[in-house]
Amino acid sequence: MAAEAQPADDGSQTIGRGEPTRYLLALTIGALVGAGLAAIWIPERQRRRLPAVAAKRYRRVRRAGSAALEEIREAGRELSGEFREELGATLEAAREEFRDMVRQQLEHARKALRRERRVREG
């Protein structure tokens, strides 16, 4: 049978002839069993969780995208409203300037006609 650990001359125990092989065999079997469990259990667990995780991420991205789109829409509404106001103010200013210009031109034309009449009559 297996030799048991025997005390050495210095007080420590030595391992018998067959013991290192058994320890090595036990270590190898434990490592193989652990690696096998890790290879089988962890991917299966991840495979089961993968659709849920993907769906959760998708919902999170969709919510963030919807929020960003809503912010863009709101900013677009604000910009278009401001643009309309500025455009309206610009058009109104252009109309006023055009009216003033037409009034001035008419006034100059009237003065020229008056001068022309005076020259013809006089």
N, C-alpha and C. Protein backbone atom coordinates (compact mmCIF):
# COMPACT_ATOMS: atom_id res chain seq x y z
N MET A 1 0.81 -1.18 0.00
CA MET A 1 0.00 0.00 0.00
C MET A 1 0.86 1.24 0.00
N ALA A 2 0.20 2.34 0.22
CA ALA A 2 0.91 3.61 0.16
C ALA A 2 1.71 3.81 1.42
N ALA A 3 2.83 4.39 1.19
CA ALA A 3 3.68 4.71 2.34
C ALA A 3 3.20 6.01 2.93
N GLU A 4 3.15 6.04 4.22
CA GLU A 4 2.68 7.25 4.89
C GLU A 4 3.85 8.19 5.10
N ALA A 5 3.53 9.46 5.33
CA ALA A 5 4.59 10.43 5.57
C ALA A 5 5.29 10.07 6.86
N GLN A 6 6.60 10.08 6.79
CA GLN A 6 7.39 9.72 7.96
C GLN A 6 8.22 10.91 8.37
N PRO A 7 8.44 11.06 9.67
CA PRO A 7 9.24 12.19 10.12
C PRO A 7 10.68 12.05 9.64
N ALA A 8 11.25 13.17 9.20
CA ALA A 8 12.64 13.17 8.77
C ALA A 8 13.52 13.45 9.97
N ASP A 9 14.81 13.41 9.76
CA ASP A 9 15.75 13.63 10.85
C ASP A 9 15.65 15.05 11.40
N ASP A 10 15.25 16.01 10.54
CA ASP A 10 15.21 17.41 11.00
C ASP A 10 13.86 17.79 11.60
N GLY A 11 12.95 16.86 11.74
CA GLY A 11 11.66 17.11 12.39
C GLY A 11 10.54 17.31 11.41
N SER A 12 10.82 17.53 10.09
CA SER A 12 9.76 17.69 9.11
C SER A 12 9.34 16.33 8.59
N GLN A 13 8.17 16.29 7.97
CA GLN A 13 7.69 15.02 7.43
C GLN A 13 8.07 14.90 5.97
N THR A 14 8.43 13.74 5.52
CA THR A 14 8.74 13.50 4.11
C THR A 14 7.59 12.75 3.48
N ILE A 15 7.47 12.87 2.19
CA ILE A 15 6.39 12.21 1.45
C ILE A 15 6.94 10.89 0.96
N GLY A 16 6.09 9.87 1.06
CA GLY A 16 6.50 8.54 0.61
C GLY A 16 6.62 8.47 -0.90
N ARG A 17 7.06 7.33 -1.38
CA ARG A 17 7.35 7.17 -2.81
C ARG A 17 6.12 7.33 -3.69
N GLY A 18 4.97 6.86 -3.35
CA GLY A 18 3.78 6.90 -4.19
C GLY A 18 2.95 8.17 -3.99
N GLU A 19 3.22 8.93 -2.99
CA GLU A 19 2.41 10.11 -2.67
C GLU A 19 2.51 11.22 -3.72
N PRO A 20 3.63 11.59 -4.27
CA PRO A 20 3.66 12.67 -5.26
C PRO A 20 2.79 12.35 -6.48
N THR A 21 2.75 11.11 -6.88
CA THR A 21 1.94 10.72 -8.02
C THR A 21 0.47 10.90 -7.71
N ARG A 22 0.07 10.54 -6.51
CA ARG A 22 -1.33 10.70 -6.12
C ARG A 22 -1.73 12.17 -6.03
N TYR A 23 -0.85 12.98 -5.49
CA TYR A 23 -1.14 14.42 -5.40
C TYR A 23 -1.25 15.03 -6.79
N LEU A 24 -0.32 14.64 -7.64
CA LEU A 24 -0.34 15.14 -9.00
C LEU A 24 -1.61 14.69 -9.74
N LEU A 25 -2.00 13.42 -9.54
CA LEU A 25 -3.21 12.88 -10.15
C LEU A 25 -4.45 13.61 -9.61
N ALA A 26 -4.50 13.84 -8.32
CA ALA A 26 -5.64 14.55 -7.72
C ALA A 26 -5.69 15.99 -8.22
N LEU A 27 -4.54 16.62 -8.33
CA LEU A 27 -4.49 17.99 -8.84
C LEU A 27 -4.96 18.04 -10.29
N THR A 28 -4.51 17.11 -11.09
CA THR A 28 -4.90 17.06 -12.50
C THR A 28 -6.39 16.80 -12.65
N ILE A 29 -6.92 15.85 -11.90
CA ILE A 29 -8.36 15.55 -11.96
C ILE A 29 -9.17 16.76 -11.51
N GLY A 30 -8.76 17.41 -10.46
CA GLY A 30 -9.46 18.61 -9.98
C GLY A 30 -9.44 19.73 -11.01
N ALA A 31 -8.28 19.90 -11.65
CA ALA A 31 -8.17 20.95 -12.67
C ALA A 31 -9.06 20.62 -13.86
N LEU A 32 -9.07 19.36 -14.27
CA LEU A 32 -9.91 18.96 -15.41
C LEU A 32 -11.40 19.12 -15.09
N VAL A 33 -11.78 18.69 -13.90
CA VAL A 33 -13.19 18.82 -13.50
C VAL A 33 -13.57 20.30 -13.43
N GLY A 34 -12.71 21.13 -12.86
CA GLY A 34 -12.99 22.56 -12.77
C GLY A 34 -13.07 23.20 -14.14
N ALA A 35 -12.15 22.85 -15.03
CA ALA A 35 -12.17 23.41 -16.39
C ALA A 35 -13.41 22.93 -17.13
N GLY A 36 -13.79 21.66 -16.94
CA GLY A 36 -14.99 21.14 -17.59
C GLY A 36 -16.24 21.84 -17.10
N LEU A 37 -16.34 22.03 -15.79
CA LEU A 37 -17.50 22.76 -15.26
C LEU A 37 -17.53 24.19 -15.77
N ALA A 38 -16.38 24.81 -15.81
CA ALA A 38 -16.33 26.19 -16.31
C ALA A 38 -16.73 26.25 -17.77
N ALA A 39 -16.27 25.30 -18.56
CA ALA A 39 -16.58 25.29 -19.99
C ALA A 39 -18.05 24.99 -20.24
N ILE A 40 -18.65 24.19 -19.41
CA ILE A 40 -20.05 23.81 -19.61
C ILE A 40 -21.00 24.79 -18.93
N TRP A 41 -20.75 25.12 -17.69
CA TRP A 41 -21.69 25.90 -16.91
C TRP A 41 -21.69 27.38 -17.29
N ILE A 42 -20.55 28.01 -17.40
CA ILE A 42 -20.50 29.45 -17.64
C ILE A 42 -21.07 29.82 -19.00
N PRO A 43 -20.68 29.17 -20.09
CA PRO A 43 -21.30 29.56 -21.37
C PRO A 43 -22.80 29.32 -21.39
N GLU A 44 -23.28 28.25 -20.77
CA GLU A 44 -24.72 28.00 -20.74
C GLU A 44 -25.42 29.11 -19.97
N ARG A 45 -24.82 29.52 -18.88
CA ARG A 45 -25.39 30.60 -18.09
C ARG A 45 -25.42 31.89 -18.91
N GLN A 46 -24.34 32.15 -19.61
CA GLN A 46 -24.29 33.34 -20.45
C GLN A 46 -25.26 33.22 -21.62
N ARG A 47 -25.40 32.02 -22.17
CA ARG A 47 -26.33 31.83 -23.27
C ARG A 47 -27.76 32.09 -22.83
N ARG A 48 -28.08 31.68 -21.61
CA ARG A 48 -29.42 31.93 -21.11
C ARG A 48 -29.63 33.41 -20.85
N ARG A 49 -28.60 34.09 -20.40
CA ARG A 49 -28.72 35.51 -20.07
C ARG A 49 -28.58 36.40 -21.29
N LEU A 50 -27.96 35.90 -22.34
CA LEU A 50 -27.66 36.73 -23.50
C LEU A 50 -28.89 37.42 -24.09
N PRO A 51 -30.00 36.71 -24.34
CA PRO A 51 -31.17 37.41 -24.89
C PRO A 51 -31.70 38.49 -23.95
N ALA A 52 -31.69 38.21 -22.66
CA ALA A 52 -32.18 39.20 -21.70
C ALA A 52 -31.26 40.41 -21.66
N VAL A 53 -29.95 40.16 -21.67
CA VAL A 53 -28.99 41.26 -21.65
C VAL A 53 -29.09 42.07 -22.93
N ALA A 54 -29.20 41.37 -24.06
CA ALA A 54 -29.32 42.06 -25.34
C ALA A 54 -30.61 42.88 -25.40
N ALA A 55 -31.69 42.31 -24.92
CA ALA A 55 -32.96 43.04 -24.91
C ALA A 55 -32.88 44.26 -24.00
N LYS A 56 -32.24 44.11 -22.87
CA LYS A 56 -32.09 45.22 -21.93
C LYS A 56 -31.25 46.33 -22.57
N ARG A 57 -30.16 45.94 -23.21
CA ARG A 57 -29.33 46.95 -23.88
C ARG A 57 -30.09 47.61 -25.01
N TYR A 58 -30.85 46.82 -25.76
CA TYR A 58 -31.64 47.37 -26.87
C TYR A 58 -32.65 48.38 -26.35
N ARG A 59 -33.34 48.04 -25.27
CA ARG A 59 -34.32 48.96 -24.70
C ARG A 59 -33.64 50.24 -24.21
N ARG A 60 -32.48 50.09 -23.60
CA ARG A 60 -31.75 51.25 -23.10
C ARG A 60 -31.32 52.15 -24.27
N VAL A 61 -30.81 51.54 -25.33
CA VAL A 61 -30.38 52.31 -26.50
C VAL A 61 -31.59 52.94 -27.18
N ARG A 62 -32.69 52.20 -27.26
CA ARG A 62 -33.90 52.73 -27.88
C ARG A 62 -34.43 53.93 -27.09
N ARG A 63 -34.43 53.81 -25.75
CA ARG A 63 -34.88 54.94 -24.93
C ARG A 63 -33.97 56.15 -25.11
N ALA A 64 -32.67 55.91 -25.11
CA ALA A 64 -31.72 57.01 -25.31
C ALA A 64 -31.90 57.63 -26.69
N GLY A 65 -32.11 56.79 -27.69
CA GLY A 65 -32.34 57.31 -29.04
C GLY A 65 -33.62 58.10 -29.13
N SER A 66 -34.67 57.61 -28.49
CA SER A 66 -35.94 58.34 -28.49
C SER A 66 -35.81 59.68 -27.78
N ALA A 67 -35.09 59.67 -26.67
CA ALA A 67 -34.89 60.93 -25.93
C ALA A 67 -34.08 61.91 -26.77
N ALA A 68 -33.04 61.41 -27.43
CA ALA A 68 -32.22 62.29 -28.28
C ALA A 68 -33.04 62.82 -29.45
N LEU A 69 -33.86 61.96 -30.05
CA LEU A 69 -34.70 62.39 -31.16
C LEU A 69 -35.70 63.45 -30.70
N GLU A 70 -36.26 63.27 -29.53
CA GLU A 70 -37.21 64.26 -29.00
C GLU A 70 -36.51 65.59 -28.75
N GLU A 71 -35.28 65.54 -28.24
CA GLU A 71 -34.52 66.78 -28.04
C GLU A 71 -34.23 67.46 -29.37
N ILE A 72 -33.90 66.67 -30.38
CA ILE A 72 -33.64 67.23 -31.71
C ILE A 72 -34.90 67.85 -32.27
N ARG A 73 -36.04 67.17 -32.11
CA ARG A 73 -37.31 67.73 -32.59
C ARG A 73 -37.62 69.05 -31.90
N GLU A 74 -37.45 69.07 -30.58
CA GLU A 74 -37.73 70.28 -29.82
C GLU A 74 -36.80 71.41 -30.25
N ALA A 75 -35.53 71.09 -30.44
CA ALA A 75 -34.58 72.11 -30.89
C ALA A 75 -34.96 72.60 -32.29
N GLY A 76 -35.41 71.68 -33.14
CA GLY A 76 -35.86 72.07 -34.49
C GLY A 76 -37.08 72.97 -34.43
N ARG A 77 -38.00 72.65 -33.53
CA ARG A 77 -39.18 73.51 -33.39
C ARG A 77 -38.79 74.90 -32.92
N GLU A 78 -37.88 74.95 -31.95
CA GLU A 78 -37.43 76.25 -31.45
C GLU A 78 -36.74 77.04 -32.56
N LEU A 79 -35.85 76.36 -33.29
CA LEU A 79 -35.13 77.04 -34.36
C LEU A 79 -36.07 77.52 -35.46
N SER A 80 -37.03 76.67 -35.84
CA SER A 80 -37.96 77.09 -36.89
C SER A 80 -38.83 78.25 -36.40
N GLY A 81 -39.22 78.21 -35.13
CA GLY A 81 -40.00 79.33 -34.58
C GLY A 81 -39.19 80.62 -34.58
N GLU A 82 -37.93 80.53 -34.14
CA GLU A 82 -37.07 81.70 -34.14
C GLU A 82 -36.82 82.19 -35.57
N PHE A 83 -36.64 81.23 -36.49
CA PHE A 83 -36.41 81.60 -37.88
C PHE A 83 -37.62 82.32 -38.45
N ARG A 84 -38.81 81.80 -38.15
CA ARG A 84 -40.03 82.45 -38.63
C ARG A 84 -40.14 83.88 -38.09
N GLU A 85 -39.85 84.03 -36.79
CA GLU A 85 -39.92 85.36 -36.19
C GLU A 85 -38.92 86.31 -36.85
N GLU A 86 -37.69 85.83 -37.02
CA GLU A 86 -36.66 86.67 -37.64
C GLU A 86 -37.02 86.98 -39.10
N LEU A 87 -37.52 85.98 -39.80
CA LEU A 87 -37.90 86.19 -41.19
C LEU A 87 -39.05 87.19 -41.29
N GLY A 88 -40.02 87.05 -40.40
CA GLY A 88 -41.14 87.99 -40.39
C GLY A 88 -40.66 89.41 -40.09
N ALA A 89 -39.77 89.55 -39.11
CA ALA A 89 -39.25 90.88 -38.77
C ALA A 89 -38.45 91.45 -39.93
N THR A 90 -37.65 90.59 -40.58
CA THR A 90 -36.86 91.05 -41.72
C THR A 90 -37.76 91.47 -42.87
N LEU A 91 -38.78 90.68 -43.16
CA LEU A 91 -39.72 91.04 -44.23
C LEU A 91 -40.46 92.33 -43.91
N GLU A 92 -40.86 92.49 -42.69
CA GLU A 92 -41.56 93.72 -42.30
C GLU A 92 -40.64 94.93 -42.44
N ALA A 93 -39.39 94.76 -42.03
CA ALA A 93 -38.43 95.86 -42.20
C ALA A 93 -38.20 96.16 -43.67
N ALA A 94 -38.12 95.12 -44.49
CA ALA A 94 -37.92 95.32 -45.93
C ALA A 94 -39.14 96.01 -46.54
N ARG A 95 -40.33 95.66 -46.12
CA ARG A 95 -41.55 96.31 -46.62
C ARG A 95 -41.54 97.79 -46.27
N GLU A 96 -41.21 98.10 -45.02
CA GLU A 96 -41.17 99.50 -44.59
C GLU A 96 -40.14 100.28 -45.39
N GLU A 97 -38.97 99.66 -45.58
CA GLU A 97 -37.93 100.34 -46.34
C GLU A 97 -38.38 100.56 -47.79
N PHE A 98 -39.03 99.56 -48.35
CA PHE A 98 -39.54 99.67 -49.73
C PHE A 98 -40.59 100.78 -49.82
N ARG A 99 -41.49 100.83 -48.85
CA ARG A 99 -42.52 101.89 -48.82
C ARG A 99 -41.86 103.27 -48.75
N ASP A 100 -40.87 103.38 -47.85
CA ASP A 100 -40.18 104.67 -47.74
C ASP A 100 -39.48 105.03 -49.05
N MET A 101 -38.85 104.06 -49.67
CA MET A 101 -38.17 104.31 -50.93
C MET A 101 -39.16 104.73 -52.02
N VAL A 102 -40.31 104.05 -52.09
CA VAL A 102 -41.34 104.40 -53.07
C VAL A 102 -41.87 105.80 -52.79
N ARG A 103 -42.10 106.13 -51.52
CA ARG A 103 -42.57 107.48 -51.16
C ARG A 103 -41.57 108.54 -51.59
N GLN A 104 -40.28 108.26 -51.33
CA GLN A 104 -39.25 109.23 -51.71
C GLN A 104 -39.20 109.38 -53.23
N GLN A 105 -39.29 108.27 -53.95
CA GLN A 105 -39.26 108.33 -55.42
C GLN A 105 -40.47 109.11 -55.95
N LEU A 106 -41.64 108.85 -55.36
CA LEU A 106 -42.84 109.58 -55.78
C LEU A 106 -42.72 111.07 -55.49
N GLU A 107 -42.15 111.37 -54.34
CA GLU A 107 -41.96 112.77 -53.97
C GLU A 107 -41.00 113.45 -54.95
N HIS A 108 -39.91 112.76 -55.31
CA HIS A 108 -38.97 113.31 -56.28
C HIS A 108 -39.65 113.47 -57.65
N ALA A 109 -40.46 112.48 -58.02
CA ALA A 109 -41.17 112.56 -59.31
C ALA A 109 -42.16 113.71 -59.31
N ARG A 110 -42.87 113.95 -58.24
CA ARG A 110 -43.82 115.06 -58.14
C ARG A 110 -43.09 116.40 -58.26
N LYS A 111 -41.97 116.48 -57.54
CA LYS A 111 -41.19 117.72 -57.60
C LYS A 111 -40.70 117.97 -59.03
N ALA A 112 -40.26 116.91 -59.68
CA ALA A 112 -39.79 117.06 -61.06
C ALA A 112 -40.92 117.47 -61.97
N LEU A 113 -42.11 116.91 -61.78
CA LEU A 113 -43.27 117.29 -62.59
C LEU A 113 -43.65 118.75 -62.35
N ARG A 114 -43.61 119.21 -61.13
CA ARG A 114 -43.93 120.60 -60.79
C ARG A 114 -42.95 121.55 -61.48
N ARG A 115 -41.66 121.18 -61.41
CA ARG A 115 -40.65 122.01 -62.06
C ARG A 115 -40.89 122.06 -63.57
N GLU A 116 -41.23 120.91 -64.11
CA GLU A 116 -41.50 120.81 -65.55
C GLU A 116 -42.69 121.69 -65.92
N ARG A 117 -43.75 121.67 -65.13
CA ARG A 117 -44.93 122.50 -65.40
C ARG A 117 -44.57 123.97 -65.31
N ARG A 118 -43.78 124.34 -64.31
CA ARG A 118 -43.39 125.74 -64.13
C ARG A 118 -42.57 126.22 -65.35
N VAL A 119 -41.72 125.35 -65.79
CA VAL A 119 -40.88 125.74 -66.94
C VAL A 119 -41.75 125.91 -68.18
N ARG A 120 -42.72 125.05 -68.39
CA ARG A 120 -43.60 125.11 -69.55
C ARG A 120 -44.53 126.34 -69.45
N GLU A 121 -45.02 126.61 -68.28
CA GLU A 121 -45.95 127.72 -68.10
C GLU A 121 -45.20 129.05 -68.08
N GLY A 122 -44.08 129.06 -67.65
CA GLY A 122 -43.40 130.30 -67.40
C GLY A 122 -42.52 130.80 -68.40
